[in-house]
């Protein structure tokens, strides 16, 4: 879903960055409802960084650097999605 926003408008448009931030924050919020054991299994120590990312987006979206959002999507999203799929496959 996030790729769709980027493909439609590109990273240079603030509305695209905002849409990506909202989707990312919503995904992290949903993951926060997993059991502590499932989160630990899927994300390990990186959960704190993931949750901090959600907090930064939710509480300071105007100050979120679009380059950091882009780097997160391009470098971390595949691993994050794989971890969520792993939890889902285990019924977590």
PDB file of N, CA and C in Angstrom:
ATOM      1  N   UNK A   1       0.803  -1.197   0.000  1.00  0.00           N
ATOM      2  CA  UNK A   1       0.000   0.000   0.000  1.00  0.00           C
ATOM      3  C   UNK A   1       0.849   1.265   0.000  1.00  0.00           C
ATOM      4  N   UNK A   2       1.893   1.286   0.761  1.00  0.00           N
ATOM      5  CA  UNK A   2       2.727   2.473   0.824  1.00  0.00           C
ATOM      6  C   UNK A   2       3.349   2.755  -0.529  1.00  0.00           C
ATOM      7  N   UNK A   3       3.772   1.720  -1.229  1.00  0.00           N
ATOM      8  CA  UNK A   3       4.365   1.895  -2.549  1.00  0.00           C
ATOM      9  C   UNK A   3       3.412   2.579  -3.514  1.00  0.00           C
ATOM     10  N   UNK A   4       2.120   2.324  -3.357  1.00  0.00           N
ATOM     11  CA  UNK A   4       1.120   2.949  -4.211  1.00  0.00           C
ATOM     12  C   UNK A   4       1.160   4.466  -4.069  1.00  0.00           C
ATOM     13  N   UNK A   5       1.218   4.960  -2.835  1.00  0.00           N
ATOM     14  CA  UNK A   5       1.262   6.401  -2.596  1.00  0.00           C
ATOM     15  C   UNK A   5       2.481   7.024  -3.253  1.00  0.00           C
ATOM     16  N   UNK A   6       3.601   6.371  -3.118  1.00  0.00           N
ATOM     17  CA  UNK A   6       4.843   6.898  -3.672  1.00  0.00           C
ATOM     18  C   UNK A   6       4.787   6.876  -5.197  1.00  0.00           C
ATOM     19  N   UNK A   7       4.309   5.793  -5.757  1.00  0.00           N
ATOM     20  CA  UNK A   7       4.234   5.678  -7.214  1.00  0.00           C
ATOM     21  C   UNK A   7       3.303   6.737  -7.806  1.00  0.00           C
ATOM     22  N   UNK A   8       2.235   7.049  -7.116  1.00  0.00           N
ATOM     23  CA  UNK A   8       1.269   8.017  -7.625  1.00  0.00           C
ATOM     24  C   UNK A   8       1.789   9.451  -7.585  1.00  0.00           C
ATOM     25  N   UNK A   9       2.549   9.795  -6.560  1.00  0.00           N
ATOM     26  CA  UNK A   9       2.905  11.204  -6.414  1.00  0.00           C
ATOM     27  C   UNK A   9       4.368  11.517  -6.249  1.00  0.00           C
ATOM     28  N   UNK A  10       5.165  10.540  -5.904  1.00  0.00           N
ATOM     29  CA  UNK A  10       6.587  10.774  -5.706  1.00  0.00           C
ATOM     30  C   UNK A  10       6.905  11.372  -4.346  1.00  0.00           C
ATOM     31  N   UNK A  11       8.134  11.196  -3.935  1.00  0.00           N
ATOM     32  CA  UNK A  11       8.580  11.640  -2.614  1.00  0.00           C
ATOM     33  C   UNK A  11       8.656  13.154  -2.487  1.00  0.00           C
ATOM     34  N   UNK A  12       8.629  13.869  -3.584  1.00  0.00           N
ATOM     35  CA  UNK A  12       8.756  15.327  -3.517  1.00  0.00           C
ATOM     36  C   UNK A  12       7.502  16.049  -3.071  1.00  0.00           C
ATOM     37  N   UNK A  13       6.386  15.347  -2.997  1.00  0.00           N
ATOM     38  CA  UNK A  13       5.133  15.973  -2.597  1.00  0.00           C
ATOM     39  C   UNK A  13       4.846  15.689  -1.130  1.00  0.00           C
ATOM     40  N   UNK A  14       4.570  16.744  -0.375  1.00  0.00           N
ATOM     41  CA  UNK A  14       4.315  16.598   1.059  1.00  0.00           C
ATOM     42  C   UNK A  14       3.113  15.715   1.325  1.00  0.00           C
ATOM     43  N   UNK A  15       2.100  15.775   0.478  1.00  0.00           N
ATOM     44  CA  UNK A  15       0.916  14.949   0.684  1.00  0.00           C
ATOM     45  C   UNK A  15       1.278  13.466   0.606  1.00  0.00           C
ATOM     46  N   UNK A  16       2.234  13.109  -0.221  1.00  0.00           N
ATOM     47  CA  UNK A  16       2.677  11.718  -0.325  1.00  0.00           C
ATOM     48  C   UNK A  16       3.414  11.315   0.947  1.00  0.00           C
ATOM     49  N   UNK A  17       4.306  12.164   1.400  1.00  0.00           N
ATOM     50  CA  UNK A  17       5.045  11.879   2.644  1.00  0.00           C
ATOM     51  C   UNK A  17       4.056  11.729   3.797  1.00  0.00           C
ATOM     52  N   UNK A  18       3.066  12.609   3.867  1.00  0.00           N
ATOM     53  CA  UNK A  18       2.060  12.528   4.928  1.00  0.00           C
ATOM     54  C   UNK A  18       1.273  11.217   4.850  1.00  0.00           C
ATOM     55  N   UNK A  19       0.890  10.830   3.642  1.00  0.00           N
ATOM     56  CA  UNK A  19       0.138   9.580   3.471  1.00  0.00           C
ATOM     57  C   UNK A  19       0.971   8.379   3.895  1.00  0.00           C
ATOM     58  N   UNK A  20       2.233   8.375   3.514  1.00  0.00           N
ATOM     59  CA  UNK A  20       3.118   7.280   3.901  1.00  0.00           C
ATOM     60  C   UNK A  20       3.269   7.250   5.418  1.00  0.00           C
ATOM     61  N   UNK A  21       3.461   8.412   6.023  1.00  0.00           N
ATOM     62  CA  UNK A  21       3.596   8.475   7.489  1.00  0.00           C
ATOM     63  C   UNK A  21       2.355   7.930   8.180  1.00  0.00           C
ATOM     64  N   UNK A  22       1.193   8.306   7.703  1.00  0.00           N
ATOM     65  CA  UNK A  22      -0.042   7.834   8.331  1.00  0.00           C
ATOM     66  C   UNK A  22      -0.202   6.330   8.194  1.00  0.00           C
ATOM     67  N   UNK A  23       0.093   5.795   7.021  1.00  0.00           N
ATOM     68  CA  UNK A  23      -0.001   4.340   6.825  1.00  0.00           C
ATOM     69  C   UNK A  23       1.002   3.608   7.707  1.00  0.00           C
ATOM     70  N   UNK A  24       2.209   4.128   7.766  1.00  0.00           N
ATOM     71  CA  UNK A  24       3.252   3.503   8.578  1.00  0.00           C
ATOM     72  C   UNK A  24       2.879   3.545  10.060  1.00  0.00           C
ATOM     73  N   UNK A  25       2.430   4.700  10.527  1.00  0.00           N
ATOM     74  CA  UNK A  25       2.026   4.825  11.932  1.00  0.00           C
ATOM     75  C   UNK A  25       0.865   3.891  12.257  1.00  0.00           C
ATOM     76  N   UNK A  26      -0.104   3.786  11.350  1.00  0.00           N
ATOM     77  CA  UNK A  26      -1.243   2.888  11.583  1.00  0.00           C
ATOM     78  C   UNK A  26      -0.791   1.432  11.656  1.00  0.00           C
ATOM     79  N   UNK A  27       0.136   1.066  10.815  1.00  0.00           N
ATOM     80  CA  UNK A  27       0.654  -0.300  10.833  1.00  0.00           C
ATOM     81  C   UNK A  27       1.365  -0.608  12.145  1.00  0.00           C
ATOM     82  N   UNK A  28       2.166   0.330  12.596  1.00  0.00           N
ATOM     83  CA  UNK A  28       2.897   0.128  13.856  1.00  0.00           C
ATOM     84  C   UNK A  28       1.913   0.082  15.023  1.00  0.00           C
ATOM     85  N   UNK A  29       0.909   0.946  14.989  1.00  0.00           N
ATOM     86  CA  UNK A  29      -0.119   0.935  16.035  1.00  0.00           C
ATOM     87  C   UNK A  29      -0.805  -0.423  16.081  1.00  0.00           C
ATOM     88  N   UNK A  30      -1.139  -0.964  14.925  1.00  0.00           N
ATOM     89  CA  UNK A  30      -1.770  -2.284  14.878  1.00  0.00           C
ATOM     90  C   UNK A  30      -0.839  -3.356  15.445  1.00  0.00           C
ATOM     91  N   UNK A  31       0.444  -3.281  15.106  1.00  0.00           N
ATOM     92  CA  UNK A  31       1.415  -4.248  15.620  1.00  0.00           C
ATOM     93  C   UNK A  31       1.566  -4.141  17.137  1.00  0.00           C
ATOM     94  N   UNK A  32       1.306  -2.973  17.680  1.00  0.00           N
ATOM     95  CA  UNK A  32       1.428  -2.801  19.131  1.00  0.00           C
ATOM     96  C   UNK A  32       0.388  -3.605  19.883  1.00  0.00           C
ATOM     97  N   UNK A  33      -0.670  -4.034  19.196  1.00  0.00           N
ATOM     98  CA  UNK A  33      -1.720  -4.829  19.830  1.00  0.00           C
ATOM     99  C   UNK A  33      -1.409  -6.319  19.850  1.00  0.00           C
ATOM    100  N   UNK A  34      -0.291  -6.701  19.243  1.00  0.00           N
ATOM    101  CA  UNK A  34       0.170  -8.091  19.362  1.00  0.00           C
ATOM    102  C   UNK A  34       0.576  -8.343  20.809  1.00  0.00           C
ATOM    103  N   UNK A  35       0.603  -9.580  21.193  1.00  0.00           N
ATOM    104  CA  UNK A  35       1.077  -9.888  22.541  1.00  0.00           C
ATOM    105  C   UNK A  35       2.550  -9.501  22.652  1.00  0.00           C
ATOM    106  N   UNK A  36       2.988  -9.259  23.854  1.00  0.00           N
ATOM    107  CA  UNK A  36       4.395  -8.907  24.080  1.00  0.00           C
ATOM    108  C   UNK A  36       5.314 -10.004  23.557  1.00  0.00           C
ATOM    109  N   UNK A  37       4.883 -11.248  23.715  1.00  0.00           N
ATOM    110  CA  UNK A  37       5.697 -12.371  23.243  1.00  0.00           C
ATOM    111  C   UNK A  37       5.793 -12.376  21.717  1.00  0.00           C
ATOM    112  N   UNK A  38       4.682 -12.121  21.051  1.00  0.00           N
ATOM    113  CA  UNK A  38       4.683 -12.092  19.580  1.00  0.00           C
ATOM    114  C   UNK A  38       5.545 -10.951  19.067  1.00  0.00           C
ATOM    115  N   UNK A  39       5.438  -9.783  19.708  1.00  0.00           N
ATOM    116  CA  UNK A  39       6.282  -8.645  19.298  1.00  0.00           C
ATOM    117  C   UNK A  39       7.752  -8.958  19.516  1.00  0.00           C
ATOM    118  N   UNK A  40       8.067  -9.550  20.650  1.00  0.00           N
ATOM    119  CA  UNK A  40       9.469  -9.882  20.931  1.00  0.00           C
ATOM    120  C   UNK A  40       9.991 -10.892  19.925  1.00  0.00           C
ATOM    121  N   UNK A  41       9.171 -11.865  19.580  1.00  0.00           N
ATOM    122  CA  UNK A  41       9.579 -12.874  18.609  1.00  0.00           C
ATOM    123  C   UNK A  41       9.791 -12.258  17.226  1.00  0.00           C
ATOM    124  N   UNK A  42       8.895 -11.376  16.836  1.00  0.00           N
ATOM    125  CA  UNK A  42       8.958 -10.790  15.495  1.00  0.00           C
ATOM    126  C   UNK A  42      10.029  -9.715  15.364  1.00  0.00           C
ATOM    127  N   UNK A  43      10.152  -8.871  16.382  1.00  0.00           N
ATOM    128  CA  UNK A  43      10.979  -7.675  16.236  1.00  0.00           C
ATOM    129  C   UNK A  43      12.171  -7.605  17.182  1.00  0.00           C
ATOM    130  N   UNK A  44      12.148  -8.404  18.231  1.00  0.00           N
ATOM    131  CA  UNK A  44      13.254  -8.363  19.182  1.00  0.00           C
ATOM    132  C   UNK A  44      13.459  -6.971  19.751  1.00  0.00           C
ATOM    133  N   UNK A  45      14.706  -6.607  19.910  1.00  0.00           N
ATOM    134  CA  UNK A  45      15.053  -5.315  20.498  1.00  0.00           C
ATOM    135  C   UNK A  45      14.695  -4.145  19.591  1.00  0.00           C
ATOM    136  N   UNK A  46      14.444  -4.396  18.325  1.00  0.00           N
ATOM    137  CA  UNK A  46      14.112  -3.285  17.423  1.00  0.00           C
ATOM    138  C   UNK A  46      12.709  -2.736  17.660  1.00  0.00           C
ATOM    139  N   UNK A  47      11.880  -3.450  18.430  1.00  0.00           N
ATOM    140  CA  UNK A  47      10.535  -2.942  18.677  1.00  0.00           C
ATOM    141  C   UNK A  47      10.555  -1.542  19.274  1.00  0.00           C
ATOM    142  N   UNK A  48      11.482  -1.278  20.176  1.00  0.00           N
ATOM    143  CA  UNK A  48      11.550   0.059  20.794  1.00  0.00           C
ATOM    144  C   UNK A  48      11.768   1.137  19.740  1.00  0.00           C
ATOM    145  N   UNK A  49      12.616   0.857  18.775  1.00  0.00           N
ATOM    146  CA  UNK A  49      12.882   1.819  17.697  1.00  0.00           C
ATOM    147  C   UNK A  49      11.647   1.951  16.796  1.00  0.00           C
ATOM    148  N   UNK A  50      11.004   0.833  16.520  1.00  0.00           N
ATOM    149  CA  UNK A  50       9.794   0.858  15.698  1.00  0.00           C
ATOM    150  C   UNK A  50       8.717   1.697  16.385  1.00  0.00           C
ATOM    151  N   UNK A  51       8.503   1.454  17.677  1.00  0.00           N
ATOM    152  CA  UNK A  51       7.484   2.203  18.410  1.00  0.00           C
ATOM    153  C   UNK A  51       7.861   3.684  18.504  1.00  0.00           C
ATOM    154  N   UNK A  52       9.119   3.975  18.674  1.00  0.00           N
ATOM    155  CA  UNK A  52       9.571   5.368  18.715  1.00  0.00           C
ATOM    156  C   UNK A  52       9.293   6.065  17.377  1.00  0.00           C
ATOM    157  N   UNK A  53       9.404   5.320  16.287  1.00  0.00           N
ATOM    158  CA  UNK A  53       9.091   5.871  14.972  1.00  0.00           C
ATOM    159  C   UNK A  53       7.618   6.252  14.907  1.00  0.00           C
ATOM    160  N   UNK A  54       6.761   5.382  15.394  1.00  0.00           N
ATOM    161  CA  UNK A  54       5.329   5.678  15.414  1.00  0.00           C
ATOM    162  C   UNK A  54       5.032   6.906  16.273  1.00  0.00           C
ATOM    163  N   UNK A  55       5.665   6.981  17.431  1.00  0.00           N
ATOM    164  CA  UNK A  55       5.452   8.131  18.304  1.00  0.00           C
ATOM    165  C   UNK A  55       5.910   9.417  17.646  1.00  0.00           C
ATOM    166  N   UNK A  56       7.031   9.363  16.971  1.00  0.00           N
ATOM    167  CA  UNK A  56       7.559  10.550  16.286  1.00  0.00           C
ATOM    168  C   UNK A  56       6.587  11.014  15.199  1.00  0.00           C
ATOM    169  N   UNK A  57       6.060  10.064  14.445  1.00  0.00           N
ATOM    170  CA  UNK A  57       5.102  10.410  13.395  1.00  0.00           C
ATOM    171  C   UNK A  57       3.824  10.974  14.015  1.00  0.00           C
ATOM    172  N   UNK A  58       3.295  10.291  15.017  1.00  0.00           N
ATOM    173  CA  UNK A  58       2.017  10.682  15.611  1.00  0.00           C
ATOM    174  C   UNK A  58       2.078  12.021  16.339  1.00  0.00           C
ATOM    175  N   UNK A  59       3.203  12.309  16.948  1.00  0.00           N
ATOM    176  CA  UNK A  59       3.284  13.504  17.788  1.00  0.00           C
ATOM    177  C   UNK A  59       4.089  14.636  17.181  1.00  0.00           C
ATOM    178  N   UNK A  60       4.685  14.402  16.040  1.00  0.00           N
ATOM    179  CA  UNK A  60       5.488  15.474  15.446  1.00  0.00           C
ATOM    180  C   UNK A  60       5.579  15.380  13.950  1.00  0.00           C
ATOM    181  N   UNK A  61       4.468  15.035  13.309  1.00  0.00           N
ATOM    182  CA  UNK A  61       4.498  14.773  11.871  1.00  0.00           C
ATOM    183  C   UNK A  61       5.065  15.945  11.086  1.00  0.00           C
ATOM    184  N   UNK A  62       4.839  17.155  11.558  1.00  0.00           N
ATOM    185  CA  UNK A  62       5.365  18.321  10.840  1.00  0.00           C
ATOM    186  C   UNK A  62       6.883  18.389  10.904  1.00  0.00           C
ATOM    187  N   UNK A  63       7.459  17.692  11.878  1.00  0.00           N
ATOM    188  CA  UNK A  63       8.918  17.741  12.028  1.00  0.00           C
ATOM    189  C   UNK A  63       9.593  16.457  11.564  1.00  0.00           C
ATOM    190  N   UNK A  64       8.823  15.530  11.005  1.00  0.00           N
ATOM    191  CA  UNK A  64       9.404  14.291  10.515  1.00  0.00           C
ATOM    192  C   UNK A  64      10.119  14.587   9.205  1.00  0.00           C
ATOM    193  N   UNK A  65      11.368  14.225   9.134  1.00  0.00           N
ATOM    194  CA  UNK A  65      12.184  14.482   7.951  1.00  0.00           C
ATOM    195  C   UNK A  65      11.774  13.529   6.825  1.00  0.00           C
ATOM    196  N   UNK A  66      11.330  14.058   5.699  1.00  0.00           N
ATOM    197  CA  UNK A  66      10.914  13.185   4.590  1.00  0.00           C
ATOM    198  C   UNK A  66      12.019  12.236   4.127  1.00  0.00           C
ATOM    199  N   UNK A  67      13.261  12.630   4.237  1.00  0.00           N
ATOM    200  CA  UNK A  67      14.362  11.747   3.845  1.00  0.00           C
ATOM    201  C   UNK A  67      14.460  10.546   4.778  1.00  0.00           C
ATOM    202  N   UNK A  68      14.170  10.754   6.050  1.00  0.00           N
ATOM    203  CA  UNK A  68      14.189   9.639   7.000  1.00  0.00           C
ATOM    204  C   UNK A  68      13.021   8.704   6.720  1.00  0.00           C
ATOM    205  N   UNK A  69      11.858   9.264   6.414  1.00  0.00           N
ATOM    206  CA  UNK A  69      10.703   8.434   6.067  1.00  0.00           C
ATOM    207  C   UNK A  69      11.028   7.603   4.833  1.00  0.00           C
ATOM    208  N   UNK A  70      11.592   8.242   3.830  1.00  0.00           N
ATOM    209  CA  UNK A  70      11.940   7.528   2.601  1.00  0.00           C
ATOM    210  C   UNK A  70      12.947   6.417   2.879  1.00  0.00           C
ATOM    211  N   UNK A  71      13.978   6.725   3.663  1.00  0.00           N
ATOM    212  CA  UNK A  71      14.991   5.716   3.996  1.00  0.00           C
ATOM    213  C   UNK A  71      14.367   4.560   4.763  1.00  0.00           C
ATOM    214  N   UNK A  72      13.451   4.859   5.657  1.00  0.00           N
ATOM    215  CA  UNK A  72      12.772   3.817   6.418  1.00  0.00           C
ATOM    216  C   UNK A  72      11.992   2.902   5.482  1.00  0.00           C
ATOM    217  N   UNK A  73      11.246   3.490   4.577  1.00  0.00           N
ATOM    218  CA  UNK A  73      10.446   2.697   3.630  1.00  0.00           C
ATOM    219  C   UNK A  73      11.355   1.865   2.736  1.00  0.00           C
ATOM    220  N   UNK A  74      12.402   2.482   2.210  1.00  0.00           N
ATOM    221  CA  UNK A  74      13.265   1.789   1.260  1.00  0.00           C
ATOM    222  C   UNK A  74      14.170   0.744   1.908  1.00  0.00           C
ATOM    223  N   UNK A  75      14.540   0.950   3.173  1.00  0.00           N
ATOM    224  CA  UNK A  75      15.526   0.070   3.802  1.00  0.00           C
ATOM    225  C   UNK A  75      14.960  -0.870   4.863  1.00  0.00           C
ATOM    226  N   UNK A  76      13.839  -0.534   5.455  1.00  0.00           N
ATOM    227  CA  UNK A  76      13.358  -1.294   6.610  1.00  0.00           C
ATOM    228  C   UNK A  76      11.992  -1.941   6.421  1.00  0.00           C
ATOM    229  N   UNK A  77      11.227  -1.472   5.475  1.00  0.00           N
ATOM    230  CA  UNK A  77       9.849  -1.922   5.359  1.00  0.00           C
ATOM    231  C   UNK A  77       9.727  -3.389   4.975  1.00  0.00           C
ATOM    232  N   UNK A  78      10.592  -3.876   4.125  1.00  0.00           N
ATOM    233  CA  UNK A  78      10.518  -5.287   3.717  1.00  0.00           C
ATOM    234  C   UNK A  78      10.722  -6.200   4.922  1.00  0.00           C
ATOM    235  N   UNK A  79      11.709  -5.899   5.743  1.00  0.00           N
ATOM    236  CA  UNK A  79      11.970  -6.710   6.940  1.00  0.00           C
ATOM    237  C   UNK A  79      10.818  -6.609   7.946  1.00  0.00           C
ATOM    238  N   UNK A  80      10.278  -5.414   8.119  1.00  0.00           N
ATOM    239  CA  UNK A  80       9.142  -5.199   9.017  1.00  0.00           C
ATOM    240  C   UNK A  80       7.940  -6.024   8.554  1.00  0.00           C
ATOM    241  N   UNK A  81       7.627  -5.948   7.271  1.00  0.00           N
ATOM    242  CA  UNK A  81       6.490  -6.711   6.728  1.00  0.00           C
ATOM    243  C   UNK A  81       6.715  -8.212   6.859  1.00  0.00           C
ATOM    244  N   UNK A  82       7.938  -8.650   6.638  1.00  0.00           N
ATOM    245  CA  UNK A  82       8.247 -10.078   6.781  1.00  0.00           C
ATOM    246  C   UNK A  82       8.035 -10.531   8.221  1.00  0.00           C
ATOM    247  N   UNK A  83       8.419  -9.701   9.174  1.00  0.00           N
ATOM    248  CA  UNK A  83       8.218 -10.045  10.589  1.00  0.00           C
ATOM    249  C   UNK A  83       6.739 -10.166  10.903  1.00  0.00           C
ATOM    250  N   UNK A  84       5.934  -9.260  10.357  1.00  0.00           N
ATOM    251  CA  UNK A  84       4.483  -9.334  10.585  1.00  0.00           C
ATOM    252  C   UNK A  84       3.893 -10.581   9.943  1.00  0.00           C
ATOM    253  N   UNK A  85       4.351 -10.915   8.739  1.00  0.00           N
ATOM    254  CA  UNK A  85       3.864 -12.131   8.091  1.00  0.00           C
ATOM    255  C   UNK A  85       4.233 -13.384   8.888  1.00  0.00           C
ATOM    256  N   UNK A  86       5.403 -13.352   9.488  1.00  0.00           N
ATOM    257  CA  UNK A  86       5.859 -14.473  10.304  1.00  0.00           C
ATOM    258  C   UNK A  86       4.941 -14.663  11.515  1.00  0.00           C
ATOM    259  N   UNK A  87       4.582 -13.556  12.149  1.00  0.00           N
ATOM    260  CA  UNK A  87       3.666 -13.627  13.289  1.00  0.00           C
ATOM    261  C   UNK A  87       2.310 -14.153  12.831  1.00  0.00           C
ATOM    262  N   UNK A  88       1.826 -13.666  11.712  1.00  0.00           N
ATOM    263  CA  UNK A  88       0.529 -14.102  11.199  1.00  0.00           C
ATOM    264  C   UNK A  88       0.548 -15.598  10.862  1.00  0.00           C
ATOM    265  N   UNK A  89       1.651 -16.067  10.293  1.00  0.00           N
ATOM    266  CA  UNK A  89       1.758 -17.491   9.933  1.00  0.00           C
ATOM    267  C   UNK A  89       1.740 -18.389  11.162  1.00  0.00           C
ATOM    268  N   UNK A  90       2.266 -17.868  12.272  1.00  0.00           N
ATOM    269  CA  UNK A  90       2.276 -18.633  13.513  1.00  0.00           C
ATOM    270  C   UNK A  90       0.966 -18.473  14.283  1.00  0.00           C
ATOM    271  N   UNK A  91       0.088 -17.627  13.770  1.00  0.00           N
ATOM    272  CA  UNK A  91      -1.200 -17.410  14.441  1.00  0.00           C
ATOM    273  C   UNK A  91      -1.093 -16.471  15.615  1.00  0.00           C
ATOM    274  N   UNK A  92      -0.067 -15.603  15.580  1.00  0.00           N
ATOM    275  CA  UNK A  92       0.221 -14.732  16.707  1.00  0.00           C
ATOM    276  C   UNK A  92      -0.580 -13.521  16.829  1.00  0.00           C
TER     277      UNK A  92
END
